[in-house]
Structures are given as C-alpha cells and as structure tokens.
Amino acid sequence: MKILSLLALCLLLNSCSSAETRTAPNPAHFIETISAQTFFKGNLHTHTNASDGNVSPLMAITWFKKHGYNFLAVTDHDQLTVDHSQDGKDFITINGVELTG
C-alpha cells in the first residue's frame, strides 16, 4: 500500500511540474499616472478618551498633525466628538462616529 501511495504521489508531482506557465492575456495597466503630490496621509478611525481611547481629542489631533498627517477622523463609540481647533490649510479633522449599540 505504501508503494502504491508513493507512486501516486510521484505521478501527481510530475504532472504538476510539467504544467506550462502562462501570463495573463491583458496584464493590468494604469490608465493615467498620478503624481505623488496628489496623495494625502490620513487616519479614518481614531478613538479618544471620549470612548475607549487613552488621550483627549485635542491630544490625538495634535499628534497626528505633528506626524505629517493631512486628515484625521475621530470616530469615538456611539457619540460624535467634534474638535476643529487644529484645522487649517494642511490639516483637517473629520467628524465621525462608530455605532456599536
């Protein structure tokens, strides 16, 4: 029985190795090139101590702004936390909420 199983395994491996490799007929391509200046760094899901986070909304916003982010969505659980005190030309705060109930 072991010999028969070993023979079947050898045949299976041999048939797999002889399969030809093919390339996709229409490889993916981009229609337009986008300048890296178009992209913005941001976070769309942040909690503060208004729910289960560990810092105030202002501290969270200040940290993300200091670390080069362009936008931040504060999404505390079941309540809307709004703080636009740091909004400006290079940074925006997005109002959000995570509904859990």
PDB file of N, CA and C in Angstrom:
ATOM      1  N   MET A   1       0.817  -1.196   0.000  1.00  0.00           N
ATOM      2  CA  MET A   1       0.000   0.000   0.000  1.00  0.00           C
ATOM      3  C   MET A   1       0.858   1.255   0.000  1.00  0.00           C
ATOM      4  N   LYS A   2       1.992   1.238   0.762  1.00  0.00           N
ATOM      5  CA  LYS A   2       2.877   2.399   0.801  1.00  0.00           C
ATOM      6  C   LYS A   2       3.469   2.676  -0.570  1.00  0.00           C
ATOM      7  N   ILE A   3       3.811   1.620  -1.286  1.00  0.00           N
ATOM      8  CA  ILE A   3       4.414   1.789  -2.614  1.00  0.00           C
ATOM      9  C   ILE A   3       3.399   2.402  -3.569  1.00  0.00           C
ATOM     10  N   LEU A   4       2.162   1.945  -3.491  1.00  0.00           N
ATOM     11  CA  LEU A   4       1.115   2.486  -4.351  1.00  0.00           C
ATOM     12  C   LEU A   4       0.877   3.975  -4.051  1.00  0.00           C
ATOM     13  N   SER A   5       0.854   4.341  -2.768  1.00  0.00           N
ATOM     14  CA  SER A   5       0.676   5.747  -2.383  1.00  0.00           C
ATOM     15  C   SER A   5       1.849   6.590  -2.853  1.00  0.00           C
ATOM     16  N   LEU A   6       3.060   6.079  -2.716  1.00  0.00           N
ATOM     17  CA  LEU A   6       4.258   6.787  -3.153  1.00  0.00           C
ATOM     18  C   LEU A   6       4.248   6.977  -4.662  1.00  0.00           C
ATOM     19  N   LEU A   7       3.838   5.956  -5.398  1.00  0.00           N
ATOM     20  CA  LEU A   7       3.756   6.044  -6.854  1.00  0.00           C
ATOM     21  C   LEU A   7       2.717   7.095  -7.270  1.00  0.00           C
ATOM     22  N   ALA A   8       1.570   7.112  -6.608  1.00  0.00           N
ATOM     23  CA  ALA A   8       0.530   8.099  -6.920  1.00  0.00           C
ATOM     24  C   ALA A   8       1.031   9.518  -6.639  1.00  0.00           C
ATOM     25  N   LEU A   9       1.757   9.691  -5.538  1.00  0.00           N
ATOM     26  CA  LEU A   9       2.314  10.998  -5.201  1.00  0.00           C
ATOM     27  C   LEU A   9       3.327  11.444  -6.246  1.00  0.00           C
ATOM     28  N   CYS A  10       4.186  10.536  -6.694  1.00  0.00           N
ATOM     29  CA  CYS A  10       5.179  10.866  -7.728  1.00  0.00           C
ATOM     30  C   CYS A  10       4.497  11.279  -9.027  1.00  0.00           C
ATOM     31  N   LEU A  11       3.462  10.560  -9.425  1.00  0.00           N
ATOM     32  CA  LEU A  11       2.736  10.908 -10.647  1.00  0.00           C
ATOM     33  C   LEU A  11       2.071  12.281 -10.522  1.00  0.00           C
ATOM     34  N   LEU A  12       1.498  12.546  -9.365  1.00  0.00           N
ATOM     35  CA  LEU A  12       0.847  13.835  -9.140  1.00  0.00           C
ATOM     36  C   LEU A  12       1.860  14.975  -9.198  1.00  0.00           C
ATOM     37  N   LEU A  13       2.982  14.812  -8.523  1.00  0.00           N
ATOM     38  CA  LEU A  13       4.010  15.857  -8.529  1.00  0.00           C
ATOM     39  C   LEU A  13       4.582  16.062  -9.924  1.00  0.00           C
ATOM     40  N   ASN A  14       4.757  14.998 -10.670  1.00  0.00           N
ATOM     41  CA  ASN A  14       5.292  15.098 -12.026  1.00  0.00           C
ATOM     42  C   ASN A  14       4.320  15.849 -12.935  1.00  0.00           C
ATOM     43  N   SER A  15       3.027  15.579 -12.788  1.00  0.00           N
ATOM     44  CA  SER A  15       2.060  16.268 -13.649  1.00  0.00           C
ATOM     45  C   SER A  15       1.967  17.748 -13.289  1.00  0.00           C
ATOM     46  N   CYS A  16       2.165  18.087 -12.017  1.00  0.00           N
ATOM     47  CA  CYS A  16       2.131  19.499 -11.611  1.00  0.00           C
ATOM     48  C   CYS A  16       3.346  20.248 -12.137  1.00  0.00           C
ATOM     49  N   SER A  17       4.495  19.617 -12.111  1.00  0.00           N
ATOM     50  CA  SER A  17       5.716  20.313 -12.523  1.00  0.00           C
ATOM     51  C   SER A  17       5.783  20.511 -14.031  1.00  0.00           C
ATOM     52  N   SER A  18       5.053  19.707 -14.788  1.00  0.00           N
ATOM     53  CA  SER A  18       5.133  19.852 -16.239  1.00  0.00           C
ATOM     54  C   SER A  18       4.080  20.817 -16.787  1.00  0.00           C
ATOM     55  N   ALA A  19       3.244  21.367 -15.911  1.00  0.00           N
ATOM     56  CA  ALA A  19       2.234  22.326 -16.374  1.00  0.00           C
ATOM     57  C   ALA A  19       2.928  23.588 -16.863  1.00  0.00           C
ATOM     58  N   GLU A  20       2.467  24.096 -17.991  1.00  0.00           N
ATOM     59  CA  GLU A  20       3.111  25.284 -18.541  1.00  0.00           C
ATOM     60  C   GLU A  20       2.672  26.536 -17.784  1.00  0.00           C
ATOM     61  N   THR A  21       3.574  27.485 -17.723  1.00  0.00           N
ATOM     62  CA  THR A  21       3.276  28.753 -17.062  1.00  0.00           C
ATOM     63  C   THR A  21       2.776  29.723 -18.107  1.00  0.00           C
ATOM     64  N   ARG A  22       1.698  30.406 -17.796  1.00  0.00           N
ATOM     65  CA  ARG A  22       1.148  31.358 -18.758  1.00  0.00           C
ATOM     66  C   ARG A  22       0.999  32.725 -18.115  1.00  0.00           C
ATOM     67  N   THR A  23       1.099  33.736 -18.931  1.00  0.00           N
ATOM     68  CA  THR A  23       0.889  35.108 -18.469  1.00  0.00           C
ATOM     69  C   THR A  23      -0.542  35.497 -18.792  1.00  0.00           C
ATOM     70  N   ALA A  24      -1.075  36.378 -17.996  1.00  0.00           N
ATOM     71  CA  ALA A  24      -2.433  36.858 -18.249  1.00  0.00           C
ATOM     72  C   ALA A  24      -2.485  37.526 -19.613  1.00  0.00           C
ATOM     73  N   PRO A  25      -3.557  37.312 -20.379  1.00  0.00           N
ATOM     74  CA  PRO A  25      -3.631  37.877 -21.726  1.00  0.00           C
ATOM     75  C   PRO A  25      -3.590  39.403 -21.741  1.00  0.00           C
ATOM     76  N   ASN A  26      -4.218  40.045 -20.776  1.00  0.00           N
ATOM     77  CA  ASN A  26      -4.202  41.505 -20.695  1.00  0.00           C
ATOM     78  C   ASN A  26      -3.687  41.912 -19.322  1.00  0.00           C
ATOM     79  N   PRO A  27      -2.377  42.036 -19.176  1.00  0.00           N
ATOM     80  CA  PRO A  27      -1.856  42.391 -17.856  1.00  0.00           C
ATOM     81  C   PRO A  27      -2.411  43.741 -17.401  1.00  0.00           C
ATOM     82  N   ALA A  28      -2.539  43.895 -16.091  1.00  0.00           N
ATOM     83  CA  ALA A  28      -3.088  45.142 -15.537  1.00  0.00           C
ATOM     84  C   ALA A  28      -2.229  46.328 -15.942  1.00  0.00           C
ATOM     85  N   HIS A  29      -2.876  47.419 -16.206  1.00  0.00           N
ATOM     86  CA  HIS A  29      -2.151  48.648 -16.531  1.00  0.00           C
ATOM     87  C   HIS A  29      -2.947  49.828 -15.985  1.00  0.00           C
ATOM     88  N   PHE A  30      -2.263  50.919 -15.813  1.00  0.00           N
ATOM     89  CA  PHE A  30      -2.911  52.115 -15.297  1.00  0.00           C
ATOM     90  C   PHE A  30      -3.272  53.023 -16.452  1.00  0.00           C
ATOM     91  N   ILE A  31      -4.440  53.598 -16.383  1.00  0.00           N
ATOM     92  CA  ILE A  31      -4.895  54.487 -17.441  1.00  0.00           C
ATOM     93  C   ILE A  31      -4.173  55.818 -17.369  1.00  0.00           C
ATOM     94  N   GLU A  32      -3.932  56.306 -16.148  1.00  0.00           N
ATOM     95  CA  GLU A  32      -3.217  57.566 -16.018  1.00  0.00           C
ATOM     96  C   GLU A  32      -2.232  57.477 -14.863  1.00  0.00           C
ATOM     97  N   THR A  33      -1.176  58.213 -14.962  1.00  0.00           N
ATOM     98  CA  THR A  33      -0.194  58.275 -13.895  1.00  0.00           C
ATOM     99  C   THR A  33      -0.596  59.404 -12.954  1.00  0.00           C
ATOM    100  N   ILE A  34      -0.564  59.116 -11.660  1.00  0.00           N
ATOM    101  CA  ILE A  34      -0.955  60.116 -10.676  1.00  0.00           C
ATOM    102  C   ILE A  34       0.294  60.600  -9.955  1.00  0.00           C
ATOM    103  N   SER A  35       0.435  61.882  -9.858  1.00  0.00           N
ATOM    104  CA  SER A  35       1.563  62.469  -9.150  1.00  0.00           C
ATOM    105  C   SER A  35       1.439  62.171  -7.659  1.00  0.00           C
ATOM    106  N   ALA A  36       2.555  61.872  -7.012  1.00  0.00           N
ATOM    107  CA  ALA A  36       2.540  61.586  -5.578  1.00  0.00           C
ATOM    108  C   ALA A  36       2.064  62.792  -4.779  1.00  0.00           C
ATOM    109  N   GLN A  37       2.114  63.966  -5.353  1.00  0.00           N
ATOM    110  CA  GLN A  37       1.647  65.165  -4.663  1.00  0.00           C
ATOM    111  C   GLN A  37       0.128  65.152  -4.492  1.00  0.00           C
ATOM    112  N   THR A  38      -0.548  64.275  -5.205  1.00  0.00           N
ATOM    113  CA  THR A  38      -1.999  64.177  -5.132  1.00  0.00           C
ATOM    114  C   THR A  38      -2.455  63.438  -3.876  1.00  0.00           C
ATOM    115  N   PHE A  39      -1.603  62.603  -3.307  1.00  0.00           N
ATOM    116  CA  PHE A  39      -1.981  61.757  -2.187  1.00  0.00           C
ATOM    117  C   PHE A  39      -1.884  62.492  -0.860  1.00  0.00           C
ATOM    118  N   PHE A  40      -2.777  62.136   0.056  1.00  0.00           N
ATOM    119  CA  PHE A  40      -2.793  62.727   1.381  1.00  0.00           C
ATOM    120  C   PHE A  40      -2.699  61.616   2.416  1.00  0.00           C
ATOM    121  N   LYS A  41      -1.940  61.858   3.456  1.00  0.00           N
ATOM    122  CA  LYS A  41      -1.768  60.888   4.536  1.00  0.00           C
ATOM    123  C   LYS A  41      -2.836  61.152   5.592  1.00  0.00           C
ATOM    124  N   GLY A  42      -3.564  60.105   5.993  1.00  0.00           N
ATOM    125  CA  GLY A  42      -4.610  60.314   6.977  1.00  0.00           C
ATOM    126  C   GLY A  42      -4.998  59.052   7.714  1.00  0.00           C
ATOM    127  N   ASN A  43      -5.831  59.216   8.712  1.00  0.00           N
ATOM    128  CA  ASN A  43      -6.342  58.119   9.514  1.00  0.00           C
ATOM    129  C   ASN A  43      -7.857  58.280   9.584  1.00  0.00           C
ATOM    130  N   LEU A  44      -8.575  57.241   9.216  1.00  0.00           N
ATOM    131  CA  LEU A  44     -10.035  57.308   9.167  1.00  0.00           C
ATOM    132  C   LEU A  44     -10.727  56.622  10.343  1.00  0.00           C
ATOM    133  N   HIS A  45      -9.963  56.199  11.366  1.00  0.00           N
ATOM    134  CA  HIS A  45     -10.594  55.505  12.501  1.00  0.00           C
ATOM    135  C   HIS A  45      -9.741  55.708  13.749  1.00  0.00           C
ATOM    136  N   THR A  46     -10.081  56.716  14.540  1.00  0.00           N
ATOM    137  CA  THR A  46      -9.332  57.017  15.761  1.00  0.00           C
ATOM    138  C   THR A  46     -10.300  57.202  16.923  1.00  0.00           C
ATOM    139  N   HIS A  47      -9.949  56.598  18.062  1.00  0.00           N
ATOM    140  CA  HIS A  47     -10.749  56.754  19.272  1.00  0.00           C
ATOM    141  C   HIS A  47      -9.994  57.652  20.248  1.00  0.00           C
ATOM    142  N   THR A  48     -10.742  58.404  21.040  1.00  0.00           N
ATOM    143  CA  THR A  48     -10.150  59.265  22.064  1.00  0.00           C
ATOM    144  C   THR A  48     -10.689  58.829  23.424  1.00  0.00           C
ATOM    145  N   ASN A  49     -10.292  59.558  24.467  1.00  0.00           N
ATOM    146  CA  ASN A  49     -10.787  59.197  25.800  1.00  0.00           C
ATOM    147  C   ASN A  49     -12.263  59.558  25.992  1.00  0.00           C
ATOM    148  N   ALA A  50     -12.888  60.068  24.944  1.00  0.00           N
ATOM    149  CA  ALA A  50     -14.340  60.258  24.980  1.00  0.00           C
ATOM    150  C   ALA A  50     -15.055  58.912  24.837  1.00  0.00           C
ATOM    151  N   SER A  51     -14.310  57.862  24.405  1.00  0.00           N
ATOM    152  CA  SER A  51     -14.853  56.494  24.406  1.00  0.00           C
ATOM    153  C   SER A  51     -13.779  55.572  24.969  1.00  0.00           C
ATOM    154  N   ASP A  52     -13.145  54.737  24.153  1.00  0.00           N
ATOM    155  CA  ASP A  52     -12.164  53.798  24.706  1.00  0.00           C
ATOM    156  C   ASP A  52     -10.719  54.111  24.321  1.00  0.00           C
ATOM    157  N   GLY A  53     -10.437  55.318  23.865  1.00  0.00           N
ATOM    158  CA  GLY A  53      -9.063  55.730  23.591  1.00  0.00           C
ATOM    159  C   GLY A  53      -8.392  56.192  24.870  1.00  0.00           C
ATOM    160  N   ASN A  54      -7.124  56.583  24.775  1.00  0.00           N
ATOM    161  CA  ASN A  54      -6.420  56.965  26.003  1.00  0.00           C
ATOM    162  C   ASN A  54      -5.929  58.414  26.023  1.00  0.00           C
ATOM    163  N   VAL A  55      -6.263  59.204  25.009  1.00  0.00           N
ATOM    164  CA  VAL A  55      -5.885  60.620  25.016  1.00  0.00           C
ATOM    165  C   VAL A  55      -7.087  61.468  24.614  1.00  0.00           C
ATOM    166  N   SER A  56      -7.014  62.741  24.944  1.00  0.00           N
ATOM    167  CA  SER A  56      -8.110  63.652  24.608  1.00  0.00           C
ATOM    168  C   SER A  56      -8.183  63.862  23.102  1.00  0.00           C
ATOM    169  N   PRO A  57      -9.322  64.328  22.604  1.00  0.00           N
ATOM    170  CA  PRO A  57      -9.416  64.623  21.175  1.00  0.00           C
ATOM    171  C   PRO A  57      -8.328  65.599  20.718  1.00  0.00           C
ATOM    172  N   LEU A  58      -8.086  66.650  21.494  1.00  0.00           N
ATOM    173  CA  LEU A  58      -7.067  67.627  21.117  1.00  0.00           C
ATOM    174  C   LEU A  58      -5.679  66.999  21.060  1.00  0.00           C
ATOM    175  N   MET A  59      -5.347  66.138  22.025  1.00  0.00           N
ATOM    176  CA  MET A  59      -4.032  65.479  22.017  1.00  0.00           C
ATOM    177  C   MET A  59      -3.892  64.553  20.811  1.00  0.00           C
ATOM    178  N   ALA A  60      -4.946  63.815  20.476  1.00  0.00           N
ATOM    179  CA  ALA A  60      -4.896  62.919  19.313  1.00  0.00           C
ATOM    180  C   ALA A  60      -4.699  63.723  18.037  1.00  0.00           C
ATOM    181  N   ILE A  61      -5.483  64.771  17.886  1.00  0.00           N
ATOM    182  CA  ILE A  61      -5.389  65.611  16.684  1.00  0.00           C
ATOM    183  C   ILE A  61      -4.002  66.233  16.575  1.00  0.00           C
ATOM    184  N   THR A  62      -3.485  66.750  17.680  1.00  0.00           N
ATOM    185  CA  THR A  62      -2.159  67.373  17.690  1.00  0.00           C
ATOM    186  C   THR A  62      -1.080  66.366  17.301  1.00  0.00           C
ATOM    187  N   TRP A  63      -1.174  65.137  17.814  1.00  0.00           N
ATOM    188  CA  TRP A  63      -0.170  64.112  17.496  1.00  0.00           C
ATOM    189  C   TRP A  63      -0.169  63.802  15.999  1.00  0.00           C
ATOM    190  N   PHE A  64      -1.346  63.565  15.435  1.00  0.00           N
ATOM    191  CA  PHE A  64      -1.416  63.224  14.013  1.00  0.00           C
ATOM    192  C   PHE A  64      -0.931  64.382  13.146  1.00  0.00           C
ATOM    193  N   LYS A  65      -1.288  65.590  13.502  1.00  0.00           N
ATOM    194  CA  LYS A  65      -0.841  66.763  12.746  1.00  0.00           C
ATOM    195  C   LYS A  65       0.680  66.887  12.817  1.00  0.00           C
ATOM    196  N   LYS A  66       1.244  66.696  14.003  1.00  0.00           N
ATOM    197  CA  LYS A  66       2.697  66.793  14.211  1.00  0.00           C
ATOM    198  C   LYS A  66       3.451  65.729  13.412  1.00  0.00           C
ATOM    199  N   HIS A  67       2.830  64.581  13.193  1.00  0.00           N
ATOM    200  CA  HIS A  67       3.485  63.475  12.492  1.00  0.00           C
ATOM    201  C   HIS A  67       3.176  63.445  10.995  1.00  0.00           C
ATOM    202  N   GLY A  68       2.775  64.561  10.442  1.00  0.00           N
ATOM    203  CA  GLY A  68       2.656  64.691   8.995  1.00  0.00           C
ATOM    204  C   GLY A  68       1.362  64.209   8.375  1.00  0.00           C
ATOM    205  N   TYR A  69       0.348  63.978   9.177  1.00  0.00           N
ATOM    206  CA  TYR A  69      -0.942  63.569   8.622  1.00  0.00           C
ATOM    207  C   TYR A  69      -1.668  64.792   8.074  1.00  0.00           C
ATOM    208  N   ASN A  70      -2.465  64.577   7.036  1.00  0.00           N
ATOM    209  CA  ASN A  70      -3.248  65.658   6.443  1.00  0.00           C
ATOM    210  C   ASN A  70      -4.694  65.666   6.921  1.00  0.00           C
ATOM    211  N   PHE A  71      -5.169  64.521   7.415  1.00  0.00           N
ATOM    212  CA  PHE A  71      -6.541  64.466   7.922  1.00  0.00           C
ATOM    213  C   PHE A  71      -6.663  63.386   8.980  1.00  0.00           C
ATOM    214  N   LEU A  72      -7.671  63.551   9.827  1.00  0.00           N
ATOM    215  CA  LEU A  72      -7.940  62.599  10.898  1.00  0.00           C
ATOM    216  C   LEU A  72      -9.439  62.541  11.138  1.00  0.00           C
ATOM    217  N   ALA A  73      -9.982  61.334  11.163  1.00  0.00           N
ATOM    218  CA  ALA A  73     -11.382  61.138  11.531  1.00  0.00           C
ATOM    219  C   ALA A  73     -11.424  60.630  12.964  1.00  0.00           C
ATOM    220  N   VAL A  74     -12.049  61.394  13.843  1.00  0.00           N
ATOM    221  CA  VAL A  74     -12.241  60.970  15.224  1.00  0.00           C
ATOM    222  C   VAL A  74     -13.563  60.205  15.259  1.00  0.00           C
ATOM    223  N   THR A  75     -13.489  58.904  15.567  1.00  0.00           N
ATOM    224  CA  THR A  75     -14.656  58.017  15.472  1.00  0.00           C
ATOM    225  C   THR A  75     -14.917  57.322  16.806  1.00  0.00           C
ATOM    226  N   ASP A  76     -15.207  58.099  17.819  1.00  0.00           N
ATOM    227  CA  ASP A  76     -15.490  57.518  19.132  1.00  0.00           C
ATOM    228  C   ASP A  76     -16.769  56.685  19.089  1.00  0.00           C
ATOM    229  N   HIS A  77     -16.897  55.781  20.072  1.00  0.00           N
ATOM    230  CA  HIS A  77     -18.061  54.890  20.144  1.00  0.00           C
ATOM    231  C   HIS A  77     -19.329  55.659  20.510  1.00  0.00           C
ATOM    232  N   ASP A  78     -20.325  55.529  19.664  1.00  0.00           N
ATOM    233  CA  ASP A  78     -21.694  55.974  19.942  1.00  0.00           C
ATOM    234  C   ASP A  78     -21.858  57.456  20.284  1.00  0.00           C
ATOM    235  N   GLN A  79     -20.874  58.270  19.984  1.00  0.00           N
ATOM    236  CA  GLN A  79     -21.021  59.712  20.200  1.00  0.00           C
ATOM    237  C   GLN A  79     -20.138  60.470  19.227  1.00  0.00           C
ATOM    238  N   LEU A  80     -20.609  61.621  18.852  1.00  0.00           N
ATOM    239  CA  LEU A  80     -19.871  62.462  17.917  1.00  0.00           C
ATOM    240  C   LEU A  80     -18.959  63.390  18.707  1.00  0.00           C
ATOM    241  N   THR A  81     -17.660  63.252  18.491  1.00  0.00           N
ATOM    242  CA  THR A  81     -16.681  64.123  19.131  1.00  0.00           C
ATOM    243  C   THR A  81     -16.199  65.107  18.083  1.00  0.00           C
ATOM    244  N   VAL A  82     -16.411  66.390  18.328  1.00  0.00           N
ATOM    245  CA  VAL A  82     -16.065  67.410  17.339  1.00  0.00           C
ATOM    246  C   VAL A  82     -15.002  68.336  17.911  1.00  0.00           C
ATOM    247  N   ASP A  83     -13.890  68.472  17.204  1.00  0.00           N
ATOM    248  CA  ASP A  83     -12.852  69.435  17.575  1.00  0.00           C
ATOM    249  C   ASP A  83     -12.151  69.854  16.297  1.00  0.00           C
ATOM    250  N   HIS A  84     -12.426  71.036  15.836  1.00  0.00           N
ATOM    251  CA  HIS A  84     -11.806  71.548  14.613  1.00  0.00           C
ATOM    252  C   HIS A  84     -10.777  72.631  14.918  1.00  0.00           C
ATOM    253  N   SER A  85     -10.282  72.656  16.153  1.00  0.00           N
ATOM    254  CA  SER A  85      -9.367  73.718  16.562  1.00  0.00           C
ATOM    255  C   SER A  85      -8.038  73.685  15.817  1.00  0.00           C
ATOM    256  N   GLN A  86      -7.661  72.544  15.267  1.00  0.00           N
ATOM    257  CA  GLN A  86      -6.380  72.430  14.568  1.00  0.00           C
ATOM    258  C   GLN A  86      -6.532  72.439  13.051  1.00  0.00           C
ATOM    259  N   ASP A  87      -7.754  72.588  12.561  1.00  0.00           N
ATOM    260  CA  ASP A  87      -7.975  72.602  11.112  1.00  0.00           C
ATOM    261  C   ASP A  87      -7.302  73.814  10.483  1.00  0.00           C
ATOM    262  N   GLY A  88      -6.794  73.608   9.288  1.00  0.00           N
ATOM    263  CA  GLY A  88      -6.143  74.695   8.573  1.00  0.00           C
ATOM    264  C   GLY A  88      -5.863  74.283   7.151  1.00  0.00           C
ATOM    265  N   LYS A  89      -4.886  74.926   6.547  1.00  0.00           N
ATOM    266  CA  LYS A  89      -4.546  74.674   5.144  1.00  0.00           C
ATOM    267  C   LYS A  89      -4.025  73.248   4.924  1.00  0.00           C
ATOM    268  N   ASP A  90      -3.223  72.734   5.857  1.00  0.00           N
ATOM    269  CA  ASP A  90      -2.564  71.439   5.668  1.00  0.00           C
ATOM    270  C   ASP A  90      -3.159  70.304   6.497  1.00  0.00           C
ATOM    271  N   PHE A  91      -4.224  70.564   7.239  1.00  0.00           N
ATOM    272  CA  PHE A  91      -4.791  69.523   8.101  1.00  0.00           C
ATOM    273  C   PHE A  91      -6.283  69.777   8.296  1.00  0.00           C
ATOM    274  N   ILE A  92      -7.053  68.678   8.291  1.00  0.00           N
ATOM    275  CA  ILE A  92      -8.495  68.785   8.534  1.00  0.00           C
ATOM    276  C   ILE A  92      -8.940  67.626   9.426  1.00  0.00           C
ATOM    277  N   THR A  93      -9.863  67.936  10.330  1.00  0.00           N
ATOM    278  CA  THR A  93     -10.465  66.928  11.193  1.00  0.00           C
ATOM    279  C   THR A  93     -11.833  66.566  10.618  1.00  0.00           C
ATOM    280  N   ILE A  94     -12.106  65.257  10.557  1.00  0.00           N
ATOM    281  CA  ILE A  94     -13.371  64.772  10.009  1.00  0.00           C
ATOM    282  C   ILE A  94     -14.235  64.265  11.161  1.00  0.00           C
ATOM    283  N   ASN A  95     -15.474  64.722  11.212  1.00  0.00           N
ATOM    284  CA  ASN A  95     -16.399  64.237  12.240  1.00  0.00           C
ATOM    285  C   ASN A  95     -16.832  62.822  11.891  1.00  0.00           C
ATOM    286  N   GLY A  96     -16.818  61.943  12.884  1.00  0.00           N
ATOM    287  CA  GLY A  96     -17.252  60.571  12.653  1.00  0.00           C
ATOM    288  C   GLY A  96     -17.755  59.953  13.939  1.00  0.00           C
ATOM    289  N   VAL A  97     -18.347  58.790  13.829  1.00  0.00           N
ATOM    290  CA  VAL A  97     -18.822  58.059  14.999  1.00  0.00           C
ATOM    291  C   VAL A  97     -18.849  56.570  14.660  1.00  0.00           C
ATOM    292  N   GLU A  98     -18.489  55.726  15.619  1.00  0.00           N
ATOM    293  CA  GLU A  98     -18.599  54.277  15.446  1.00  0.00           C
ATOM    294  C   GLU A  98     -19.818  53.814  16.237  1.00  0.00           C
ATOM    295  N   LEU A  99     -20.834  53.354  15.527  1.00  0.00           N
ATOM    296  CA  LEU A  99     -22.060  52.901  16.177  1.00  0.00           C
ATOM    297  C   LEU A  99     -21.888  51.459  16.631  1.00  0.00           C
ATOM    298  N   THR A 100     -22.027  51.226  17.932  1.00  0.00           N
ATOM    299  CA  THR A 100     -21.816  49.881  18.465  1.00  0.00           C
ATOM    300  C   THR A 100     -23.069  49.303  19.110  1.00  0.00           C
ATOM    301  N   GLY A 101     -24.079  50.110  19.343  1.00  0.00           N
ATOM    302  CA  GLY A 101     -25.247  49.653  20.092  1.00  0.00           C
ATOM    303  C   GLY A 101     -26.346  49.255  19.209  1.00  0.00           C
TER     304      GLY A 101
END
